[in-house]
Amino acid sequence: MPNKTILFTRPNSDLATACLNYFSKNLVDELRKIGIFTIINIEGRNANKEEFEKAIRKANPRLLIINGHGDETAIYGQKEQILGKNNIKLLNHRIIYAVACESSEKLGDLAIDEGGAEAYIGYEAKFMIVVDPSRSSTPDKDRNIKVFIKPYMALVLSLISGLSVSKAIENTKSETISLIRKYGVQSIRDKYGDAPLIRFALFWDLMFLKGYGNLNAVF
C-alpha cells in the first residue's frame, strides 16, 4: 500500500503564522473527511521540535507541509526551531513543501544532500502575503489573505492528487500568474488600494518558489 500520510505543522504565534495556520485549516478538515489520507496536524503550541520529531518517527509521513517562520538553514514552529541541520535526516525519502521565509536558500539543498529528502519545495527569499490590518484577528474575513491561499492550495492539491513535484510547481506558478494578471486590471474591486501590493507580493512569491531533488517524485 502506498504511504498516504501527510503531516502539517501549523504554528499560530503571531499574525504571519496565524495567516499560514488559516491557509491550511479547511484543507486539513476536508482531507480528514475524505478518509483516504492519514492526517497528522501539529498545531499551535504543539508545533514544537519534540512533537514534530515524534510525529515523523511514529507516523512516517510521506508528505510534509511545513508552515512557519524560517531562515536560510532552519524552520520554526510555535516558539522554537523544529527543523535544521541537527535533525535534517528526518526528511529521508520524503516530499516537503515548506511555506517559510528563505528556508530553501540553503535548507533545500541540505534537505536533499544531507537529509536524503526525495524532493523539497520552498522559497529562496521572504514569503510575502498582504493582509488587511483591520482583519488581523479574523483572517477568515480578510479578502487579501484569500488571494494567497489559491497558489498554496494549487500546490498542495496537485501533490496530494498524485501529480509530480514539477507539475505541482507548474500549476502553482500558472495560478499565481493568473492572479497577477487579475490584480493588474483596473476594474478589480480594490476598496483600500491594496491591488498593487498584492500583485507585487504574488510576483515575488512566483520568482522565489523553487524545487530541489527529484522533481518527478509523486506522493
C-alpha atoms as a PDB file:
ATOM      1  CA  MET A   1       0.000   0.000   0.000  1.00  0.00           C
ATOM      2  CA  PRO A   2       1.364   3.460  -0.857  1.00  0.00           C
ATOM      3  CA  ASN A   3       2.074   5.763   2.073  1.00  0.00           C
ATOM      4  CA  LYS A   4      -0.724   8.375   2.133  1.00  0.00           C
ATOM      5  CA  THR A   5       0.237  10.050   5.397  1.00  0.00           C
ATOM      6  CA  ILE A   6       0.534  13.853   5.410  1.00  0.00           C
ATOM      7  CA  LEU A   7       1.982  15.922   8.238  1.00  0.00           C
ATOM      8  CA  PHE A   8       1.024  19.584   8.664  1.00  0.00           C
ATOM      9  CA  THR A   9       2.792  21.958  11.044  1.00  0.00           C
ATOM     10  CA  ARG A  10       0.551  24.917  11.902  1.00  0.00           C
ATOM     11  CA  PRO A  11       2.026  27.312  14.463  1.00  0.00           C
ATOM     12  CA  ASN A  12      -0.098  30.287  15.479  1.00  0.00           C
ATOM     13  CA  SER A  13       2.055  32.682  17.479  1.00  0.00           C
ATOM     14  CA  ASP A  14       1.763  35.962  15.534  1.00  0.00           C
ATOM     15  CA  LEU A  15      -0.005  37.499  12.545  1.00  0.00           C
ATOM     16  CA  ALA A  16       2.178  35.772   9.940  1.00  0.00           C
ATOM     17  CA  THR A  17       1.790  32.292  11.398  1.00  0.00           C
ATOM     18  CA  ALA A  18      -1.918  32.905  12.073  1.00  0.00           C
ATOM     19  CA  CYS A  19      -2.344  33.506   8.338  1.00  0.00           C
ATOM     20  CA  LEU A  20      -0.487  30.308   7.439  1.00  0.00           C
ATOM     21  CA  ASN A  21      -2.477  28.416  10.052  1.00  0.00           C
ATOM     22  CA  TYR A  22      -5.660  29.641   8.391  1.00  0.00           C
ATOM     23  CA  PHE A  23      -4.352  28.702   4.932  1.00  0.00           C
ATOM     24  CA  SER A  24      -4.482  25.014   5.791  1.00  0.00           C
ATOM     25  CA  LYS A  25      -7.396  24.882   8.251  1.00  0.00           C
ATOM     26  CA  ASN A  26     -10.144  23.922   5.800  1.00  0.00           C
ATOM     27  CA  LEU A  27      -7.771  21.698   3.867  1.00  0.00           C
ATOM     28  CA  VAL A  28      -6.919  19.637   6.955  1.00  0.00           C
ATOM     29  CA  ASP A  29     -10.608  19.339   7.849  1.00  0.00           C
ATOM     30  CA  GLU A  30     -11.652  18.283   4.341  1.00  0.00           C
ATOM     31  CA  LEU A  31      -8.842  15.765   3.915  1.00  0.00           C
ATOM     32  CA  ARG A  32      -9.875  14.103   7.155  1.00  0.00           C
ATOM     33  CA  LYS A  33     -13.448  13.806   5.903  1.00  0.00           C
ATOM     34  CA  ILE A  34     -12.346  12.144   2.658  1.00  0.00           C
ATOM     35  CA  GLY A  35     -10.764   9.326   4.623  1.00  0.00           C
ATOM     36  CA  ILE A  36      -8.163   8.372   2.010  1.00  0.00           C
ATOM     37  CA  PHE A  37      -5.294  10.110   3.782  1.00  0.00           C
ATOM     38  CA  THR A  38      -3.867   9.865   7.269  1.00  0.00           C
ATOM     39  CA  ILE A  39      -3.540  13.458   8.505  1.00  0.00           C
ATOM     40  CA  ILE A  40      -1.128  14.469  11.255  1.00  0.00           C
ATOM     41  CA  ASN A  41      -1.920  18.031  12.373  1.00  0.00           C
ATOM     42  CA  ILE A  42       0.658  19.638  14.682  1.00  0.00           C
ATOM     43  CA  GLU A  43      -0.960  22.918  15.641  1.00  0.00           C
ATOM     44  CA  GLY A  44      -0.360  25.859  17.976  1.00  0.00           C
ATOM     45  CA  ARG A  45       1.888  25.165  20.935  1.00  0.00           C
ATOM     46  CA  ASN A  46       2.182  21.547  19.811  1.00  0.00           C
ATOM     47  CA  ALA A  47       4.136  22.793  16.794  1.00  0.00           C
ATOM     48  CA  ASN A  48       7.422  22.241  18.598  1.00  0.00           C
ATOM     49  CA  LYS A  49      10.531  20.216  17.872  1.00  0.00           C
ATOM     50  CA  GLU A  50       9.647  17.346  20.197  1.00  0.00           C
ATOM     51  CA  GLU A  51       6.184  16.812  18.689  1.00  0.00           C
ATOM     52  CA  PHE A  52       7.496  17.278  15.148  1.00  0.00           C
ATOM     53  CA  GLU A  53      10.189  14.639  15.556  1.00  0.00           C
ATOM     54  CA  LYS A  54       7.868  12.264  17.398  1.00  0.00           C
ATOM     55  CA  ALA A  55       5.192  12.521  14.697  1.00  0.00           C
ATOM     56  CA  ILE A  56       7.651  11.780  11.907  1.00  0.00           C
ATOM     57  CA  ARG A  57       9.134   8.779  13.678  1.00  0.00           C
ATOM     58  CA  LYS A  58       5.761   7.367  14.685  1.00  0.00           C
ATOM     59  CA  ALA A  59       3.573   8.090  11.642  1.00  0.00           C
ATOM     60  CA  ASN A  60       6.263   8.064   8.927  1.00  0.00           C
ATOM     61  CA  PRO A  61       4.545  10.694   6.737  1.00  0.00           C
ATOM     62  CA  ARG A  62       5.432  10.697   3.067  1.00  0.00           C
ATOM     63  CA  LEU A  63       4.443  14.359   2.596  1.00  0.00           C
ATOM     64  CA  LEU A  64       5.294  17.228   4.953  1.00  0.00           C
ATOM     65  CA  ILE A  65       3.541  20.609   4.682  1.00  0.00           C
ATOM     66  CA  ILE A  66       5.593  22.822   6.989  1.00  0.00           C
ATOM     67  CA  ASN A  67       4.162  26.263   7.769  1.00  0.00           C
ATOM     68  CA  GLY A  68       6.070  28.750   9.904  1.00  0.00           C
ATOM     69  CA  HIS A  69       8.871  31.263  10.122  1.00  0.00           C
ATOM     70  CA  GLY A  70      12.170  30.356   8.558  1.00  0.00           C
ATOM     71  CA  ASP A  71      15.662  31.431   7.639  1.00  0.00           C
ATOM     72  CA  GLU A  72      18.335  30.074   5.321  1.00  0.00           C
ATOM     73  CA  THR A  73      19.041  26.969   7.394  1.00  0.00           C
ATOM     74  CA  ALA A  74      16.027  26.382   9.650  1.00  0.00           C
ATOM     75  CA  ILE A  75      12.254  26.377  10.028  1.00  0.00           C
ATOM     76  CA  TYR A  76      10.459  27.336  13.232  1.00  0.00           C
ATOM     77  CA  GLY A  77       7.302  26.189  14.936  1.00  0.00           C
ATOM     78  CA  GLN A  78       5.338  27.964  17.640  1.00  0.00           C
ATOM     79  CA  LYS A  79       8.298  29.261  19.627  1.00  0.00           C
ATOM     80  CA  GLU A  80      11.340  27.253  18.601  1.00  0.00           C
ATOM     81  CA  GLN A  81      13.249  25.751  15.714  1.00  0.00           C
ATOM     82  CA  ILE A  82      11.723  22.472  14.600  1.00  0.00           C
ATOM     83  CA  LEU A  83      13.874  21.669  11.569  1.00  0.00           C
ATOM     84  CA  GLY A  84      17.536  22.351  10.945  1.00  0.00           C
ATOM     85  CA  LYS A  85      20.834  20.666  10.281  1.00  0.00           C
ATOM     86  CA  ASN A  86      20.729  18.684  13.536  1.00  0.00           C
ATOM     87  CA  ASN A  87      17.587  16.757  12.552  1.00  0.00           C
ATOM     88  CA  ILE A  88      17.610  17.093   8.765  1.00  0.00           C
ATOM     89  CA  LYS A  89      17.877  13.312   8.326  1.00  0.00           C
ATOM     90  CA  LEU A  90      14.246  13.019   9.418  1.00  0.00           C
ATOM     91  CA  LEU A  91      13.397  14.131   5.883  1.00  0.00           C
ATOM     92  CA  ASN A  92      14.784  10.936   4.367  1.00  0.00           C
ATOM     93  CA  HIS A  93      12.653   9.688   1.410  1.00  0.00           C
ATOM     94  CA  ARG A  94      10.010  12.397   1.962  1.00  0.00           C
ATOM     95  CA  ILE A  95       8.485  15.210  -0.084  1.00  0.00           C
ATOM     96  CA  ILE A  96       8.464  18.573   1.678  1.00  0.00           C
ATOM     97  CA  TYR A  97       6.622  21.810   0.947  1.00  0.00           C
ATOM     98  CA  ALA A  98       7.945  24.499   3.283  1.00  0.00           C
ATOM     99  CA  VAL A  99       5.992  27.742   3.483  1.00  0.00           C
ATOM    100  CA  ALA A 100       8.655  29.593   5.430  1.00  0.00           C
ATOM    101  CA  CYS A 101      10.751  32.622   4.548  1.00  0.00           C
ATOM    102  CA  GLU A 102      14.157  31.917   2.989  1.00  0.00           C
ATOM    103  CA  SER A 103      14.092  28.283   4.103  1.00  0.00           C
ATOM    104  CA  SER A 104      15.197  26.922   0.750  1.00  0.00           C
ATOM    105  CA  GLU A 105      18.134  29.297   0.351  1.00  0.00           C
ATOM    106  CA  LYS A 106      20.368  26.638   1.919  1.00  0.00           C
ATOM    107  CA  LEU A 107      17.952  24.225   3.571  1.00  0.00           C
ATOM    108  CA  GLY A 108      16.624  22.998   0.226  1.00  0.00           C
ATOM    109  CA  ASP A 109      19.999  21.645  -0.852  1.00  0.00           C
ATOM    110  CA  LEU A 110      20.722  20.454   2.680  1.00  0.00           C
ATOM    111  CA  ALA A 111      17.442  18.521   2.787  1.00  0.00           C
ATOM    112  CA  ILE A 112      18.409  16.641  -0.377  1.00  0.00           C
ATOM    113  CA  ASP A 113      22.167  16.246   0.074  1.00  0.00           C
ATOM    114  CA  GLU A 114      22.320  15.506   3.797  1.00  0.00           C
ATOM    115  CA  GLY A 115      18.732  14.751   4.762  1.00  0.00           C
ATOM    116  CA  GLY A 116      18.004  12.309   1.965  1.00  0.00           C
ATOM    117  CA  ALA A 117      14.695  14.001   1.123  1.00  0.00           C
ATOM    118  CA  GLU A 118      13.267  12.946  -2.218  1.00  0.00           C
ATOM    119  CA  ALA A 119      12.067  16.453  -3.049  1.00  0.00           C
ATOM    120  CA  TYR A 120      11.890  19.836  -1.341  1.00  0.00           C
ATOM    121  CA  ILE A 121       9.759  22.813  -2.373  1.00  0.00           C
ATOM    122  CA  GLY A 122      10.299  26.172  -0.732  1.00  0.00           C
ATOM    123  CA  TYR A 123      11.091  29.854  -1.072  1.00  0.00           C
ATOM    124  CA  GLU A 124      14.566  31.319  -1.519  1.00  0.00           C
ATOM    125  CA  ALA A 125      13.512  34.707  -0.136  1.00  0.00           C
ATOM    126  CA  LYS A 126      10.768  36.083   2.081  1.00  0.00           C
ATOM    127  CA  PHE A 127       7.356  34.511   1.551  1.00  0.00           C
ATOM    128  CA  MET A 128       5.105  37.503   1.050  1.00  0.00           C
ATOM    129  CA  ILE A 129       1.420  37.982   1.735  1.00  0.00           C
ATOM    130  CA  VAL A 130      -0.624  41.168   2.037  1.00  0.00           C
ATOM    131  CA  VAL A 131      -3.063  41.366   4.916  1.00  0.00           C
ATOM    132  CA  ASP A 132      -5.901  43.710   5.746  1.00  0.00           C
ATOM    133  CA  PRO A 133      -4.843  45.229   9.111  1.00  0.00           C
ATOM    134  CA  SER A 134      -8.481  45.686  10.094  1.00  0.00           C
ATOM    135  CA  ARG A 135      -8.931  41.893   9.891  1.00  0.00           C
ATOM    136  CA  SER A 136      -5.820  40.846  11.828  1.00  0.00           C
ATOM    137  CA  SER A 137      -7.891  38.947  14.397  1.00  0.00           C
ATOM    138  CA  THR A 138     -10.288  37.459  11.828  1.00  0.00           C
ATOM    139  CA  PRO A 139      -8.254  36.063   8.910  1.00  0.00           C
ATOM    140  CA  ASP A 140     -11.321  34.211   7.636  1.00  0.00           C
ATOM    141  CA  LYS A 141     -12.808  37.627   6.752  1.00  0.00           C
ATOM    142  CA  ASP A 142      -9.635  39.003   5.142  1.00  0.00           C
ATOM    143  CA  ARG A 143     -10.155  39.197   1.376  1.00  0.00           C
ATOM    144  CA  ASN A 144      -6.457  39.856   0.798  1.00  0.00           C
ATOM    145  CA  ILE A 145      -5.295  36.671   2.505  1.00  0.00           C
ATOM    146  CA  LYS A 146      -7.685  34.577   0.444  1.00  0.00           C
ATOM    147  CA  VAL A 147      -5.805  35.603  -2.701  1.00  0.00           C
ATOM    148  CA  PHE A 148      -2.631  33.935  -1.413  1.00  0.00           C
ATOM    149  CA  ILE A 149      -4.442  30.778  -0.372  1.00  0.00           C
ATOM    150  CA  LYS A 150      -5.087  29.979  -4.043  1.00  0.00           C
ATOM    151  CA  PRO A 151      -1.448  29.285  -5.076  1.00  0.00           C
ATOM    152  CA  TYR A 152      -0.877  27.466  -1.778  1.00  0.00           C
ATOM    153  CA  MET A 153      -3.861  25.223  -2.416  1.00  0.00           C
ATOM    154  CA  ALA A 154      -2.838  24.683  -6.033  1.00  0.00           C
ATOM    155  CA  LEU A 155       0.493  23.272  -4.925  1.00  0.00           C
ATOM    156  CA  VAL A 156      -0.773  21.105  -2.077  1.00  0.00           C
ATOM    157  CA  LEU A 157      -3.751  19.742  -4.017  1.00  0.00           C
ATOM    158  CA  SER A 158      -1.539  18.985  -7.019  1.00  0.00           C
ATOM    159  CA  LEU A 159       0.781  16.962  -4.805  1.00  0.00           C
ATOM    160  CA  ILE A 160      -1.912  15.007  -2.993  1.00  0.00           C
ATOM    161  CA  SER A 161      -3.694  14.235  -6.260  1.00  0.00           C
ATOM    162  CA  GLY A 162      -0.604  12.354  -7.408  1.00  0.00           C
ATOM    163  CA  LEU A 163       0.978  14.880  -9.751  1.00  0.00           C
ATOM    164  CA  SER A 164       4.749  15.204  -9.836  1.00  0.00           C
ATOM    165  CA  VAL A 165       6.594  17.861  -7.876  1.00  0.00           C
ATOM    166  CA  SER A 166       7.477  19.658 -11.121  1.00  0.00           C
ATOM    167  CA  LYS A 167       3.827  19.653 -12.247  1.00  0.00           C
ATOM    168  CA  ALA A 168       2.688  20.897  -8.828  1.00  0.00           C
ATOM    169  CA  ILE A 169       5.124  23.801  -9.084  1.00  0.00           C
ATOM    170  CA  GLU A 170       3.994  24.480 -12.660  1.00  0.00           C
ATOM    171  CA  ASN A 171       0.322  24.543 -11.605  1.00  0.00           C
ATOM    172  CA  THR A 172       1.126  26.886  -8.733  1.00  0.00           C
ATOM    173  CA  LYS A 173       3.014  29.259 -10.991  1.00  0.00           C
ATOM    174  CA  SER A 174       0.161  29.232 -13.506  1.00  0.00           C
ATOM    175  CA  GLU A 175      -2.331  30.064 -10.753  1.00  0.00           C
ATOM    176  CA  THR A 176      -0.064  32.855  -9.497  1.00  0.00           C
ATOM    177  CA  ILE A 177       0.383  34.346 -12.973  1.00  0.00           C
ATOM    178  CA  SER A 178      -3.390  34.316 -13.442  1.00  0.00           C
ATOM    179  CA  LEU A 179      -3.816  36.210 -10.172  1.00  0.00           C
ATOM    180  CA  ILE A 180      -1.094  38.709 -11.099  1.00  0.00           C
ATOM    181  CA  ARG A 181      -2.967  39.472 -14.306  1.00  0.00           C
ATOM    182  CA  LYS A 182      -6.249  39.749 -12.446  1.00  0.00           C
ATOM    183  CA  TYR A 183      -4.808  42.254  -9.985  1.00  0.00           C
ATOM    184  CA  GLY A 184      -3.400  44.320 -12.820  1.00  0.00           C
ATOM    185  CA  VAL A 185      -6.909  45.085 -14.092  1.00  0.00           C
ATOM    186  CA  GLN A 186      -8.205  48.486 -13.011  1.00  0.00           C
ATOM    187  CA  SER A 187     -11.784  47.283 -12.686  1.00  0.00           C
ATOM    188  CA  ILE A 188     -10.965  44.804  -9.914  1.00  0.00           C
ATOM    189  CA  ARG A 189     -12.654  45.501  -6.600  1.00  0.00           C
ATOM    190  CA  ASP A 190      -9.999  47.273  -4.520  1.00  0.00           C
ATOM    191  CA  LYS A 191     -11.631  49.301  -1.771  1.00  0.00           C
ATOM    192  CA  TYR A 192      -8.403  50.120   0.085  1.00  0.00           C
ATOM    193  CA  GLY A 193      -5.941  50.320  -2.807  1.00  0.00           C
ATOM    194  CA  ASP A 194      -4.174  47.043  -1.977  1.00  0.00           C
ATOM    195  CA  ALA A 195      -4.138  45.627  -5.524  1.00  0.00           C
ATOM    196  CA  PRO A 196      -0.626  46.899  -6.451  1.00  0.00           C
ATOM    197  CA  LEU A 197       0.815  45.449  -3.233  1.00  0.00           C
ATOM    198  CA  ILE A 198      -0.962  42.137  -3.769  1.00  0.00           C
ATOM    199  CA  ARG A 199       0.307  41.981  -7.337  1.00  0.00           C
ATOM    200  CA  PHE A 200       3.884  42.675  -6.218  1.00  0.00           C
ATOM    201  CA  ALA A 201       3.721  40.052  -3.450  1.00  0.00           C
ATOM    202  CA  LEU A 202       2.372  37.438  -5.864  1.00  0.00           C
ATOM    203  CA  PHE A 203       5.138  38.207  -8.343  1.00  0.00           C
ATOM    204  CA  TRP A 204       7.722  37.992  -5.551  1.00  0.00           C
ATOM    205  CA  ASP A 205       6.486  34.580  -4.392  1.00  0.00           C
ATOM    206  CA  LEU A 206       6.416  33.394  -8.002  1.00  0.00           C
ATOM    207  CA  MET A 207      10.042  34.403  -8.529  1.00  0.00           C
ATOM    208  CA  PHE A 208      11.393  32.691  -5.441  1.00  0.00           C
ATOM    209  CA  LEU A 209       9.425  29.427  -5.427  1.00  0.00           C
ATOM    210  CA  LYS A 210      11.948  26.646  -6.084  1.00  0.00           C
ATOM    211  CA  GLY A 211      12.064  22.869  -6.187  1.00  0.00           C
ATOM    212  CA  TYR A 212      15.004  20.635  -5.273  1.00  0.00           C
ATOM    213  CA  GLY A 213      15.802  16.969  -5.630  1.00  0.00           C
ATOM    214  CA  ASN A 214      13.727  14.577  -7.719  1.00  0.00           C
ATOM    215  CA  LEU A 215      11.172  16.812  -9.399  1.00  0.00           C
ATOM    216  CA  ASN A 216       9.486  13.748 -10.883  1.00  0.00           C
ATOM    217  CA  ALA A 217       8.658  12.473  -7.393  1.00  0.00           C
ATOM    218  CA  VAL A 218       4.988  11.826  -6.634  1.00  0.00           C
ATOM    219  CA  PHE A 219       3.115  11.452  -3.367  1.00  0.00           C
END
